[in-house]
């Protein structure tokens, strides 16, 4: 509602300038768009624009050529004065002017130049003052009591930690793009400490977008261009500014991200072995390890699917009723001693590292045993059902000091290789086939309950189709009897790193599931403001912060979407059937259909995909869509008020109606903010159910649990 149509306001002052004398010369070649008032050369344009044309009793002889698709004239010289479109020729844009039957109109019939100049500066100053006021109010409302509560709450614990990672240049993994966290780290670096409260946004991309040329900013050239060339210029400008530039900025953000975070950290395990080789401090960075796998080697086995991790086991057993009560085998994303396994022959217990024995390499098709180094139990499977995945077999750790049974035997196969070939560390893609059941070792990617420490399920699938879930590679390799080679050749290029990071982010985002007793919300809750989100505090002695949408804004947005769909459908059907609309109604309809339609599309694209997501969802995920619905509300009600004002005969009444309507919407929103501001700024004392509470009587919905 606050966004006034400044171009329309400028039209009045533009027409007030005196017309240049017509004659021969460069100026004579410039074609102008003129307003004609037959029989009324003395009519002042100011009076014309303040409502005489817009009244239903306008004589047929008077006419104004208005720019179609822009805001039509409003009654009473209010905020929506007409925009006159001058014809732009080779000499630049020219102002429209009033002429009568006599080309030499009297100077007294024109508005003084000095008055138009002052009016234009006054309107520009008013717009800047309004922008400054809104900016100051935004800063005031956001920074008020920003230091409360004094403790860390909600996502502040993550942001502060991630800022520390950037300062220390330690690599970590997060499911979101890095720009906001980079700004937090930069603020902490510049201030000498890690700040937990820094706005996670940057105005740089937006300012660059607005600096790009748009159709309204294009100036006429010195030479005429064909429509095809004009279309090409517009298309090129949009490709550069809306695709190339944002993509470049986005890619540059990741380039800085990877350049700064060059040390090994807690996020290593989410990425491939080749990715980890580029991180300083990782055991693969500048490492030298044996190239070919041999019996007796201590190894780690990593799944090739993103964000699955390493084959892992620990001393905890499967609970009663979950298959056989044997040692758990899982996958784990982080480096750990419980990821280490010893590769042995299936038919002997002799120590392959005995110096008296020759080195024997593992080859494609060999039958092997994998013994867990920390617990001395063998990788084992049987016909018991897996914990979470039906029709898959359970995988356990079985045996004592490496002695088990035939269910510990696995055939190792290299994908797309011939039998007898050696197995290369990091490069060979291997599968482990259980010898007794014929199933393939893999990970379903499902998160185990608390008894499984929320690690990922490992199963033996009877479906032999090659998928990334069942393909592994050997990463760490320790064997003192073998020579080492350098791993520098394995470091990936930047495009490979960028692609892998996005694949891991998508996988990690989909894997965010609600934990026991964790509060979540559903997408249908958000537009109706069904339930908020408790940021801090539960009891009456706690400092409580509760996230809830402004009820007036939320419900007005919801009403506006429904009203827009109804009104837009009526107008679209009327236009399609050839109905004749008045010029004013047609112009406003175009604004409503085109501008409102784009905002409605933005709301749909930012909201409805959440219905397809299986991850945990929170109330604040709706905020981007809410911005689009708020802008749609502004366009809708501004258009309705203009149409209502246009239908009135009195210009003063129309102007007053428009102003009162806008003020009512603004004051209603501000008063609602005043009522509910203790939720955002925090409160201590009785809960809302207590009559002594400042929020007593404001619990309009039972689902609001503040």
Foldseek 3Di string as FASTA:
>chain_A
DLDFPLLQVLLVLLQQDDDDDADDDPVNVWDWDEFEQEPCQLDEVVVVQQAQCLFPPNDPRGDADADFLAFDRFHGPFRRTTHHAIDADLVWGHRYYYGYPDRPRDPVSGHDNVVSVVSSVVVVVVSVVSVVVVVVVVVCLVPVLPCPPVDDWDCLVVLLVLLVCLLVLADAADLDQCQQSVVQVVVQVVVVHRDSDDDRDDCVLVVQLVVQDDPVRDIDHNDDDDPVVVVVVRVVSCCVRVPVVVVVVSLVSVVVSCVSNQAYDFHLLQFALLQQCRHPPDCNPQHWFFWFAWALKKFWKAFQQGRQATWFWDQAFDDPPFWDGATAIFGDRGDDLRRIKGKHAPPDDDRQLPPVHDIGFDWAFGKIWIAGPPQRFTWFWDQTAHRPDGQWTAIHTDDHNVDGDLRRIWTKHFPPDDTPHTATASPTKIWTAGPPLRFTWFWPQAFDAVSVVRGTTITTHNDPDDDSRGIIGIRDIDRVVGGIDTPPVSHDDSVVVVVRSNSNSVSVQLRAADHPPDDFDALVCQLQQNEWAWTWDDDLATWTAIGTDLNLLSVLLVVLVVVLVVVLVVVVVCVVVPHDDPSSVSNLNSCLCVVLVVLVVQLCVQRVVRNVGPHTHHNCSNVSSSVSSSVSSVSRQLSVLSVVLSPDNDSVVSNVSNVVSVVVSVVVSVVSCVLPVCNHSTDHHDDCCDPVDSNPPVCPHPNYRD
